[in-house]
Amino acid sequence: MDGQIRLPQAFCGRMEGLLGEEYNAFLTSYEKERYYGLRHNPLKSPAEAFAGRMPFVLDKIAWAREGYYYQAAQQPGRHVLHEAGAYYIQEPSAMAVAEILDPHPGERILDLCAAPGGKTTQIAGRMKEEGLLVANEVVPERARILSQNVERMGVRNCVVCNERPERLSSLFPAFFDRILVDAPCSGEGMFRKDETARQEWSPAHVKMCADRQGKILSEAASMLKPGGVLVYSTCTFAPEENEGTVSAFIHAHEDYIIEETDCCEAFSQGQPGWTDHPAAGIEHTMRLWPHKLKGEGHYIARLRRKGELPYKEGDQKEKGSKNGKNNRERAGNRKLREAVSVFLAQELGLPETWTDAQGGTVTGFGEQVYLVPEEMIPLSGVKVLRPGLCLLTDRKNRFEPAHALAMTLTGKETDRVRELTMEEAGRYLRGESVSCGQERGWLLLMYEGYSIGFGKASSGQIKNHFPKGLRKNI
């Protein structure tokens, strides 16, 4: 192919054979400017407030409730509001996956291949801080990025793990209401935006990815409750990784079916003729094509495990669990919980009942004090990067509030707030101090109503407590 983007020859030959008359339109899509998307974070503000505060030109994405297109020249990733977690920069087609998963508050949900965190944080927004969200990533460095994004977006009920799928399946048998497997793939759907994906592509790489995807799906299958939903997705066009992988899974797991679901009219059906042994219902899977919609390539399959859930799907479940295990854990940590509650009330102006209202267990891990989601299994033996919401750091019997806590708070929860100007917010994010009046003690610093961190006021200055590893020029 002539032009700026050179596609692998074998890839082009295969796609021409698959698409026939549509191939020229598909090829032409690579000559066009790609589309850019961001997703509103409902944990930080309601939709109507978000739209009014954004200094960007935004257009709605048809298939994503919180999704918007933006103009690349506006660079929202370099704005204070990005660091405040007001939105997440995400490829538009990728937003469709969590929509098909359809998470609800109070559920137990697993994002098995979660880095860098776009779909995890989209799921979290729908859960409204109720229930348990486990986000896993097998690559340690990518797991750290995942954890940072979960923190920036102000998610309270998420545990971030760094485990292999087979290890998790031994820990969480038939545990989750919904599971997302956004599987590692050959990345063909990202060729327009990702040169590395183009360079690494080969037919052998496609086969390797398909083999790996089958193994991941099999481990995920045992972690889903009867009646639960498993969504499988890739960002590739390869039938081996899409219709082929899903069909092989269905043939090997008689307790799973492919479920038909309402979707955007711009989505195309899965193709039974593109795999040797298509599973029943494979046409109900979804393909997102760059020549048919404003986004990159994706494939999505919604699967359901036969059986019945112990609750009516779509109903909001009760917040928290009152099982004996967690009650005993709370009793064992009551002294720490009480000390934390006193600090949060006296130093941060939060209600003394704030931790109780969140549910969960207040637990110490080294110097850090976390609020572990109530339905999480015991953490011993699990490689965890983020066991829940980090509340405080215990510095030799002197508490300091954690940055993660700041990112979850709103001005409605405390009146110890200082609203910063754009210039002051930029200085704060660079790690500099900010001038203040007569305020003293800990303050929640905000910009345009969005929290960005803590500072401690004294003698006319707010000492900076923005984490050094996150500091940047905005």
Protein backbone atom coordinates (compact mmCIF):
# COMPACT_ATOMS: atom_id res chain seq x y z
CA MET A 1 0.00 0.00 0.00
CA ASP A 2 1.36 3.42 -0.98
CA GLY A 3 1.19 6.30 1.51
CA GLN A 4 2.22 6.95 5.09
CA ILE A 5 0.86 3.68 6.53
CA ARG A 6 2.34 0.54 4.99
CA LEU A 7 0.39 -2.57 5.87
CA PRO A 8 1.92 -6.07 5.88
CA GLN A 9 1.44 -7.69 2.46
CA ALA A 10 0.13 -10.98 3.87
CA PHE A 11 -2.37 -9.07 5.98
CA CYS A 12 -3.66 -7.18 2.94
CA GLY A 13 -4.01 -10.39 0.95
CA ARG A 14 -6.04 -12.03 3.69
CA MET A 15 -8.29 -9.00 4.19
CA GLU A 16 -8.99 -8.72 0.46
CA GLY A 17 -10.06 -12.35 0.43
CA LEU A 18 -12.34 -11.82 3.44
CA LEU A 19 -13.90 -8.49 2.47
CA GLY A 20 -14.23 -8.82 -1.30
CA GLU A 21 -16.00 -5.73 -2.64
CA GLU A 22 -15.58 -3.91 0.67
CA TYR A 23 -11.80 -4.21 0.60
CA ASN A 24 -11.14 -0.91 -1.20
CA ALA A 25 -13.25 1.02 1.31
CA PHE A 26 -11.40 -0.76 4.14
CA LEU A 27 -8.03 0.13 2.60
CA THR A 28 -9.06 3.74 2.04
CA SER A 29 -9.86 4.12 5.76
CA TYR A 30 -6.12 3.95 6.50
CA GLU A 31 -5.58 7.11 4.48
CA LYS A 32 -7.96 9.09 6.65
CA GLU A 33 -7.26 10.86 9.94
CA ARG A 34 -8.07 8.61 12.87
CA TYR A 35 -10.65 9.53 15.47
CA TYR A 36 -9.83 10.56 19.05
CA GLY A 37 -11.99 9.88 22.08
CA LEU A 38 -12.31 10.64 25.76
CA ARG A 39 -14.72 9.26 28.29
CA HIS A 40 -16.43 11.24 31.04
CA ASN A 41 -15.81 9.90 34.55
CA PRO A 42 -19.19 9.71 36.35
CA LEU A 43 -17.44 9.05 39.69
CA LYS A 44 -16.16 12.63 39.56
CA SER A 45 -19.16 14.56 38.24
CA PRO A 46 -22.61 14.06 36.72
CA ALA A 47 -22.84 14.19 32.94
CA GLU A 48 -24.52 17.59 32.80
CA ALA A 49 -21.84 19.18 34.98
CA PHE A 50 -19.08 17.55 32.94
CA ALA A 51 -20.30 18.91 29.62
CA GLY A 52 -20.52 22.42 31.03
CA ARG A 53 -17.02 22.43 32.51
CA MET A 54 -15.03 21.05 29.59
CA PRO A 55 -12.98 23.62 27.62
CA PHE A 56 -12.95 21.37 24.54
CA VAL A 57 -15.17 20.88 21.51
CA LEU A 58 -16.80 17.49 22.12
CA ASP A 59 -19.13 15.34 20.01
CA LYS A 60 -21.01 12.32 21.36
CA ILE A 61 -19.97 8.77 20.46
CA ALA A 62 -23.06 6.82 19.44
CA TRP A 63 -22.25 3.54 21.19
CA ALA A 64 -20.77 4.83 24.48
CA ARG A 65 -22.90 6.55 27.11
CA GLU A 66 -19.98 8.54 28.53
CA GLY A 67 -17.95 8.79 25.30
CA TYR A 68 -17.03 11.85 23.25
CA TYR A 69 -14.89 12.61 20.22
CA TYR A 70 -12.40 15.43 20.61
CA GLN A 71 -10.14 17.30 18.20
CA ALA A 72 -6.52 16.14 18.41
CA ALA A 73 -5.16 19.70 18.41
CA GLN A 74 -6.92 20.38 21.73
CA GLN A 75 -4.62 17.92 23.58
CA PRO A 76 -6.90 17.12 26.55
CA GLY A 77 -4.26 14.69 27.84
CA ARG A 78 -2.11 17.70 28.74
CA HIS A 79 -4.78 19.51 30.74
CA VAL A 80 -5.24 19.80 34.52
CA LEU A 81 -8.65 18.15 34.17
CA HIS A 82 -6.98 15.00 32.85
CA GLU A 83 -4.79 14.76 35.96
CA ALA A 84 -7.92 15.36 38.05
CA GLY A 85 -9.54 12.25 36.56
CA ALA A 86 -12.41 14.18 34.99
CA TYR A 87 -12.06 11.98 31.90
CA TYR A 88 -10.07 9.10 30.44
CA ILE A 89 -8.46 9.27 26.99
CA GLN A 90 -9.71 6.17 25.18
CA GLU A 91 -10.01 4.98 21.60
CA PRO A 92 -13.69 5.31 20.61
CA SER A 93 -14.29 1.71 19.49
CA ALA A 94 -12.75 0.37 22.71
CA MET A 95 -15.54 2.04 24.69
CA ALA A 96 -18.06 -0.41 23.20
CA VAL A 97 -16.71 -3.36 25.17
CA ALA A 98 -17.81 -2.24 28.65
CA GLU A 99 -21.17 -1.22 27.19
CA ILE A 100 -21.72 -4.82 26.04
CA LEU A 101 -20.57 -6.11 29.47
CA ASP A 102 -23.28 -3.90 31.06
CA PRO A 103 -22.01 -3.76 34.68
CA HIS A 104 -24.28 -2.86 37.59
CA PRO A 105 -23.73 -1.53 41.13
CA GLY A 106 -23.17 -4.16 43.80
CA GLU A 107 -21.86 -6.89 41.50
CA ARG A 108 -18.59 -8.80 41.61
CA ILE A 109 -16.74 -8.11 38.38
CA LEU A 110 -13.36 -9.23 37.02
CA ASP A 111 -11.37 -7.46 34.30
CA LEU A 112 -8.88 -10.22 33.61
CA CYS A 113 -6.47 -8.52 31.16
CA ALA A 114 -6.98 -5.00 32.40
CA ALA A 115 -3.99 -2.75 31.62
CA PRO A 116 -3.81 0.13 31.01
CA GLY A 117 -7.21 0.58 32.66
CA GLY A 118 -9.59 2.16 30.18
CA LYS A 119 -12.21 -0.57 30.38
CA THR A 120 -11.60 -1.09 34.13
CA THR A 121 -12.37 2.54 34.92
CA GLN A 122 -15.37 2.52 32.57
CA ILE A 123 -16.74 -0.49 34.46
CA ALA A 124 -16.04 1.27 37.77
CA GLY A 125 -18.07 4.27 36.69
CA ARG A 126 -21.10 2.06 36.09
CA MET A 127 -20.68 0.29 39.44
CA LYS A 128 -21.06 3.59 41.34
CA GLU A 129 -18.56 2.51 44.03
CA GLU A 130 -20.71 -0.47 45.04
CA GLY A 131 -19.60 -4.08 44.78
CA LEU A 132 -16.17 -5.54 44.04
CA LEU A 133 -14.08 -4.87 40.94
CA VAL A 134 -10.93 -6.98 40.51
CA ALA A 135 -8.58 -5.71 37.79
CA ASN A 136 -5.74 -8.04 36.85
CA GLU A 137 -2.65 -7.63 34.67
CA VAL A 138 0.05 -10.27 34.32
CA VAL A 139 2.88 -7.89 33.24
CA PRO A 140 4.18 -6.07 36.37
CA GLU A 141 4.98 -2.73 34.72
CA ARG A 142 1.62 -2.63 32.98
CA ALA A 143 -0.06 -3.55 36.27
CA ARG A 144 1.54 -0.47 37.86
CA ILE A 145 0.16 1.74 35.10
CA LEU A 146 -3.24 0.13 35.61
CA SER A 147 -3.09 0.89 39.33
CA GLN A 148 -2.14 4.53 38.66
CA ASN A 149 -5.10 5.00 36.31
CA VAL A 150 -7.51 3.41 38.79
CA GLU A 151 -6.21 5.89 41.38
CA ARG A 152 -6.41 8.92 39.07
CA MET A 153 -10.00 8.14 38.21
CA GLY A 154 -10.98 8.02 41.90
CA VAL A 155 -12.14 4.38 42.08
CA ARG A 156 -12.82 3.17 45.63
CA ASN A 157 -13.89 -0.45 45.17
CA CYS A 158 -11.13 -1.86 42.94
CA VAL A 159 -8.43 -4.41 43.82
CA VAL A 160 -5.51 -4.52 41.34
CA CYS A 161 -3.76 -7.90 41.01
CA ASN A 162 -0.65 -9.07 39.17
CA GLU A 163 -1.41 -12.76 38.67
CA ARG A 164 -1.56 -15.33 35.89
CA PRO A 165 -5.12 -16.36 34.91
CA GLU A 166 -4.61 -19.93 36.11
CA ARG A 167 -3.67 -18.65 39.56
CA LEU A 168 -6.76 -16.46 39.77
CA SER A 169 -9.02 -19.30 38.65
CA SER A 170 -7.81 -21.35 41.61
CA LEU A 171 -8.65 -18.49 43.98
CA PHE A 172 -12.03 -17.37 42.60
CA PRO A 173 -14.07 -20.46 41.58
CA ALA A 174 -17.56 -19.46 40.33
CA PHE A 175 -17.12 -16.13 42.10
CA PHE A 176 -17.89 -13.31 39.65
CA ASP A 177 -21.17 -12.03 38.22
CA ARG A 178 -19.42 -10.62 35.14
CA ILE A 179 -15.99 -11.12 33.60
CA LEU A 180 -14.28 -9.16 30.86
CA VAL A 181 -11.54 -10.83 28.83
CA ASP A 182 -10.06 -8.08 26.64
CA ALA A 183 -7.51 -10.53 25.34
CA PRO A 184 -3.94 -9.84 24.21
CA CYS A 185 -4.09 -10.02 20.41
CA SER A 186 -2.23 -9.30 17.19
CA GLY A 187 -3.54 -5.72 17.21
CA GLU A 188 -4.61 -5.53 13.57
CA GLY A 189 -7.44 -3.18 14.48
CA MET A 190 -4.91 -0.66 15.76
CA PHE A 191 -2.68 -0.60 12.64
CA ARG A 192 -3.84 2.93 11.79
CA LYS A 193 -2.55 4.28 15.11
CA ASP A 194 0.14 1.81 16.21
CA GLU A 195 3.28 1.33 14.14
CA THR A 196 4.64 -1.27 16.59
CA ALA A 197 1.60 -3.49 15.98
CA ARG A 198 2.26 -3.32 12.24
CA GLN A 199 5.93 -4.18 12.68
CA GLU A 200 5.28 -7.13 15.01
CA TRP A 201 2.53 -8.67 12.90
CA SER A 202 2.95 -12.03 11.19
CA PRO A 203 0.73 -15.07 10.51
CA ALA A 204 2.70 -16.93 13.19
CA HIS A 205 1.99 -14.15 15.69
CA VAL A 206 -1.73 -14.41 14.92
CA LYS A 207 -1.68 -18.15 15.62
CA MET A 208 0.25 -17.66 18.86
CA CYS A 209 -2.29 -15.07 20.01
CA ALA A 210 -5.22 -17.38 19.19
CA ASP A 211 -3.68 -20.24 21.18
CA ARG A 212 -3.09 -17.94 24.16
CA GLN A 213 -6.60 -16.49 23.98
CA GLY A 214 -8.14 -19.96 24.17
CA LYS A 215 -6.21 -20.72 27.35
CA ILE A 216 -7.15 -17.41 28.96
CA LEU A 217 -10.84 -17.90 28.15
CA SER A 218 -10.81 -21.39 29.66
CA GLU A 219 -9.42 -20.05 32.95
CA ALA A 220 -11.98 -17.24 32.96
CA ALA A 221 -14.83 -19.69 32.41
CA SER A 222 -14.39 -21.36 35.78
CA MET A 223 -14.50 -18.02 37.65
CA LEU A 224 -17.97 -17.03 36.45
CA LYS A 225 -21.13 -17.82 38.40
CA PRO A 226 -23.85 -19.85 36.68
CA GLY A 227 -26.05 -17.30 34.93
CA GLY A 228 -23.22 -14.78 34.70
CA VAL A 229 -21.92 -12.86 31.67
CA LEU A 230 -18.48 -13.17 30.09
CA VAL A 231 -17.47 -10.66 27.40
CA TYR A 232 -14.57 -11.53 25.11
CA SER A 233 -12.99 -8.81 23.01
CA THR A 234 -9.98 -8.15 20.80
CA CYS A 235 -8.71 -5.26 18.71
CA THR A 236 -7.91 -7.45 15.71
CA PHE A 237 -9.60 -8.57 12.48
CA ALA A 238 -8.07 -12.07 12.36
CA PRO A 239 -10.85 -14.72 12.27
CA GLU A 240 -8.56 -17.15 14.13
CA GLU A 241 -8.56 -14.77 17.13
CA ASN A 242 -12.24 -13.85 16.89
CA GLU A 243 -14.88 -16.20 15.49
CA GLY A 244 -12.35 -19.05 15.67
CA THR A 245 -11.42 -18.54 19.32
CA VAL A 246 -15.03 -18.03 20.45
CA SER A 247 -16.29 -21.06 18.49
CA ALA A 248 -13.58 -23.31 19.91
CA PHE A 249 -14.44 -22.10 23.41
CA ILE A 250 -18.17 -22.76 22.98
CA HIS A 251 -17.53 -26.24 21.58
CA ALA A 252 -15.31 -27.03 24.59
CA HIS A 253 -17.67 -25.51 27.21
CA GLU A 254 -21.21 -26.82 26.85
CA ASP A 255 -22.37 -24.68 29.78
CA TYR A 256 -21.77 -21.47 27.77
CA ILE A 257 -23.81 -19.89 24.98
CA ILE A 258 -23.33 -16.88 22.72
CA GLU A 259 -25.87 -14.26 23.67
CA GLU A 260 -27.54 -11.84 21.30
CA THR A 261 -27.52 -8.25 22.51
CA ASP A 262 -28.75 -4.87 21.35
CA CYS A 263 -25.90 -2.91 19.82
CA CYS A 264 -25.19 0.12 17.67
CA GLU A 265 -26.41 -0.20 14.09
CA ALA A 266 -22.89 0.69 12.91
CA PHE A 267 -21.61 -2.65 14.26
CA SER A 268 -21.42 -5.65 11.92
CA GLN A 269 -22.19 -9.29 12.65
CA GLY A 270 -19.68 -12.02 13.27
CA GLN A 271 -19.01 -14.20 10.24
CA PRO A 272 -19.78 -17.94 10.52
CA GLY A 273 -18.07 -18.58 7.18
CA TRP A 274 -14.72 -17.29 8.42
CA THR A 275 -14.03 -20.28 10.68
CA ASP A 276 -14.14 -24.01 9.97
CA HIS A 277 -16.43 -25.01 12.84
CA PRO A 278 -18.62 -22.03 13.73
CA ALA A 279 -20.45 -22.20 17.05
CA ALA A 280 -24.20 -21.72 17.22
CA GLY A 281 -24.91 -18.01 17.45
CA ILE A 282 -21.51 -16.81 16.21
CA GLU A 283 -23.38 -14.32 14.01
CA HIS A 284 -24.46 -12.56 17.23
CA THR A 285 -20.88 -11.55 17.96
CA MET A 286 -19.89 -8.07 16.81
CA ARG A 287 -17.28 -6.59 14.51
CA LEU A 288 -16.36 -2.91 14.45
CA TRP A 289 -14.83 -1.86 11.12
CA PRO A 290 -12.89 1.40 10.55
CA HIS A 291 -14.54 1.91 7.14
CA LYS A 292 -18.03 1.65 8.67
CA LEU A 293 -17.77 3.78 11.82
CA LYS A 294 -15.71 6.52 13.44
CA GLY A 295 -13.23 4.33 15.30
CA GLU A 296 -10.68 1.55 14.96
CA GLY A 297 -11.18 -2.20 14.58
CA HIS A 298 -12.67 -4.33 17.38
CA TYR A 299 -14.41 -7.66 17.92
CA ILE A 300 -16.82 -8.36 20.81
CA ALA A 301 -18.63 -11.51 21.93
CA ARG A 302 -21.08 -11.64 24.84
CA LEU A 303 -21.25 -15.10 26.38
CA ARG A 304 -23.46 -16.38 29.18
CA ARG A 305 -22.96 -19.32 31.50
CA LYS A 306 -26.06 -21.46 31.74
CA GLY A 307 -27.89 -21.39 35.05
CA GLU A 308 -29.43 -18.70 37.20
CA LEU A 309 -27.92 -15.88 39.22
CA PRO A 310 -29.05 -15.63 42.86
CA TYR A 311 -30.53 -12.18 42.11
CA LYS A 312 -32.49 -10.57 39.29
CA GLU A 313 -30.04 -9.18 36.74
CA GLY A 314 -30.17 -5.39 36.55
CA ASP A 315 -31.40 -4.93 40.12
CA GLN A 316 -29.12 -2.88 42.32
CA LYS A 317 -27.66 -5.23 44.89
CA GLU A 318 -27.26 -4.31 48.53
CA LYS A 319 -24.09 -2.39 49.27
CA GLY A 320 -21.61 -4.52 51.10
CA SER A 321 -21.88 -7.99 52.55
CA LYS A 322 -22.64 -8.91 56.12
CA ASN A 323 -20.95 -12.30 56.16
CA GLY A 324 -19.17 -13.50 59.25
CA LYS A 325 -15.70 -13.50 57.69
CA ASN A 326 -15.70 -9.78 57.15
CA ASN A 327 -17.35 -9.02 60.48
CA ARG A 328 -14.54 -10.91 62.22
CA GLU A 329 -11.95 -9.01 60.15
CA ARG A 330 -13.50 -5.70 61.15
CA ALA A 331 -13.44 -6.70 64.80
CA GLY A 332 -9.75 -7.58 64.56
CA ASN A 333 -8.98 -4.16 63.06
CA ARG A 334 -11.39 -2.11 65.15
CA LYS A 335 -8.64 -0.13 66.89
CA LEU A 336 -7.06 0.84 63.57
CA ARG A 337 -10.47 1.68 62.09
CA GLU A 338 -11.28 3.94 65.04
CA ALA A 339 -7.91 5.72 64.79
CA VAL A 340 -8.40 6.23 61.06
CA SER A 341 -11.94 7.53 61.57
CA VAL A 342 -10.73 10.06 64.15
CA PHE A 343 -7.99 11.31 61.81
CA LEU A 344 -10.32 11.63 58.84
CA ALA A 345 -12.83 13.56 60.93
CA GLN A 346 -10.43 15.84 62.82
CA GLU A 347 -7.87 16.50 60.09
CA LEU A 348 -9.87 16.20 56.85
CA GLY A 349 -13.37 17.16 57.98
CA LEU A 350 -14.97 13.88 56.89
CA PRO A 351 -17.86 12.38 58.90
CA GLU A 352 -16.69 10.01 61.63
CA THR A 353 -18.87 7.36 60.03
CA TRP A 354 -17.21 7.81 56.62
CA THR A 355 -15.31 4.49 56.59
CA ASP A 356 -18.32 2.58 57.90
CA ALA A 357 -20.47 4.09 55.15
CA GLN A 358 -18.04 2.79 52.52
CA GLY A 359 -18.16 -0.79 53.78
CA GLY A 360 -15.04 -2.88 53.65
CA THR A 361 -12.21 -3.63 56.04
CA VAL A 362 -9.62 -1.13 57.25
CA THR A 363 -6.33 -3.01 57.00
CA GLY A 364 -2.66 -2.09 57.34
CA PHE A 365 -0.07 -3.18 54.75
CA GLY A 366 3.34 -2.01 55.93
CA GLU A 367 3.09 1.78 56.23
CA GLN A 368 -0.10 1.98 54.17
CA VAL A 369 -3.65 1.75 55.48
CA TYR A 370 -6.24 0.50 52.99
CA LEU A 371 -9.97 0.12 52.83
CA VAL A 372 -10.33 -3.37 51.33
CA PRO A 373 -13.65 -4.03 49.54
CA GLU A 374 -15.90 -6.13 51.72
CA GLU A 375 -16.43 -9.01 49.29
CA MET A 376 -12.73 -9.48 48.49
CA ILE A 377 -11.27 -12.87 49.44
CA PRO A 378 -8.41 -13.01 52.00
CA LEU A 379 -5.36 -11.35 50.46
CA SER A 380 -2.74 -13.80 51.70
CA GLY A 381 -1.12 -15.57 48.78
CA VAL A 382 -2.45 -13.09 46.17
CA LYS A 383 -0.03 -10.80 44.30
CA VAL A 384 -1.79 -7.51 44.87
CA LEU A 385 -0.60 -4.05 43.87
CA ARG A 386 -3.64 -2.23 45.20
CA PRO A 387 -5.72 -4.08 47.81
CA GLY A 388 -8.41 -1.40 47.72
CA LEU A 389 -8.51 2.32 48.45
CA CYS A 390 -5.35 3.63 50.13
CA LEU A 391 -6.52 5.91 52.93
CA LEU A 392 -3.42 6.89 54.88
CA THR A 393 0.29 6.43 55.36
CA ASP A 394 1.37 5.66 58.93
CA ARG A 395 4.66 7.49 59.46
CA LYS A 396 5.74 6.29 62.92
CA ASN A 397 2.34 6.84 64.53
CA ARG A 398 1.72 10.03 62.52
CA PHE A 399 -0.89 9.70 59.81
CA GLU A 400 -0.72 11.43 56.43
CA PRO A 401 -3.65 11.20 54.01
CA ALA A 402 -2.99 9.24 50.81
CA HIS A 403 -3.19 10.80 47.36
CA ALA A 404 -5.57 8.00 46.33
CA LEU A 405 -8.03 9.15 49.00
CA ALA A 406 -7.91 12.72 47.71
CA MET A 407 -8.76 11.55 44.19
CA THR A 408 -11.98 9.89 45.40
CA LEU A 409 -13.28 12.84 47.45
CA THR A 410 -15.66 15.58 46.42
CA GLY A 411 -16.43 18.97 47.89
CA LYS A 412 -19.71 17.53 49.20
CA GLU A 413 -17.87 15.25 51.64
CA THR A 414 -15.71 17.89 53.32
CA ASP A 415 -15.60 21.67 53.59
CA ARG A 416 -11.81 21.73 54.01
CA VAL A 417 -11.37 22.58 50.38
CA ARG A 418 -9.26 25.07 48.47
CA GLU A 419 -10.28 25.75 44.86
CA LEU A 420 -7.19 26.49 42.74
CA THR A 421 -6.85 28.65 39.68
CA MET A 422 -5.42 27.15 36.49
CA GLU A 423 -2.05 28.72 37.27
CA GLU A 424 -2.08 27.42 40.86
CA ALA A 425 -3.15 23.95 39.74
CA GLY A 426 -0.28 23.85 37.26
CA ARG A 427 2.17 24.77 40.00
CA TYR A 428 0.73 22.10 42.27
CA LEU A 429 1.11 19.41 39.60
CA ARG A 430 4.75 20.46 39.13
CA GLY A 431 5.35 19.90 42.85
CA GLU A 432 5.50 23.55 43.90
CA SER A 433 3.86 25.20 46.92
CA VAL A 434 0.80 27.43 46.61
CA SER A 435 0.05 30.60 48.55
CA CYS A 436 -2.93 30.72 50.90
CA GLY A 437 -4.53 32.95 53.51
CA GLN A 438 -5.15 32.02 57.14
CA GLU A 439 -5.94 28.36 56.50
CA ARG A 440 -4.12 25.75 58.54
CA GLY A 441 -3.91 22.00 58.29
CA TRP A 442 -4.84 19.56 55.54
CA LEU A 443 -6.81 20.85 52.57
CA LEU A 444 -8.39 19.05 49.65
CA LEU A 445 -7.18 20.94 46.58
CA MET A 446 -9.57 21.18 43.66
CA TYR A 447 -9.75 22.65 40.18
CA GLU A 448 -13.13 23.36 38.57
CA GLY A 449 -14.73 21.21 41.27
CA TYR A 450 -12.46 18.20 40.65
CA SER A 451 -10.06 17.03 43.36
CA ILE A 452 -6.38 16.87 42.39
CA GLY A 453 -4.66 16.10 45.72
CA PHE A 454 -3.90 17.15 49.28
CA GLY A 455 -1.86 20.03 50.59
CA LYS A 456 -1.05 21.17 54.11
CA ALA A 457 -1.50 24.86 54.87
CA SER A 458 0.74 26.75 57.29
CA SER A 459 2.10 30.30 57.49
CA GLY A 460 0.51 31.44 54.25
CA GLN A 461 1.73 28.50 52.14
CA ILE A 462 0.19 25.19 51.12
CA LYS A 463 2.91 22.54 51.24
CA ASN A 464 2.75 20.27 48.22
CA HIS A 465 1.83 16.60 48.76
CA PHE A 466 1.35 15.62 45.12
CA PRO A 467 3.31 12.34 44.62
CA LYS A 468 6.77 12.96 43.18
CA GLY A 469 6.44 10.17 40.65
CA LEU A 470 3.34 11.82 39.12
CA ARG A 471 4.58 15.38 38.86
CA LYS A 472 4.61 16.97 35.41
CA ASN A 473 4.44 20.24 33.52
CA ILE A 474 0.93 21.11 32.40
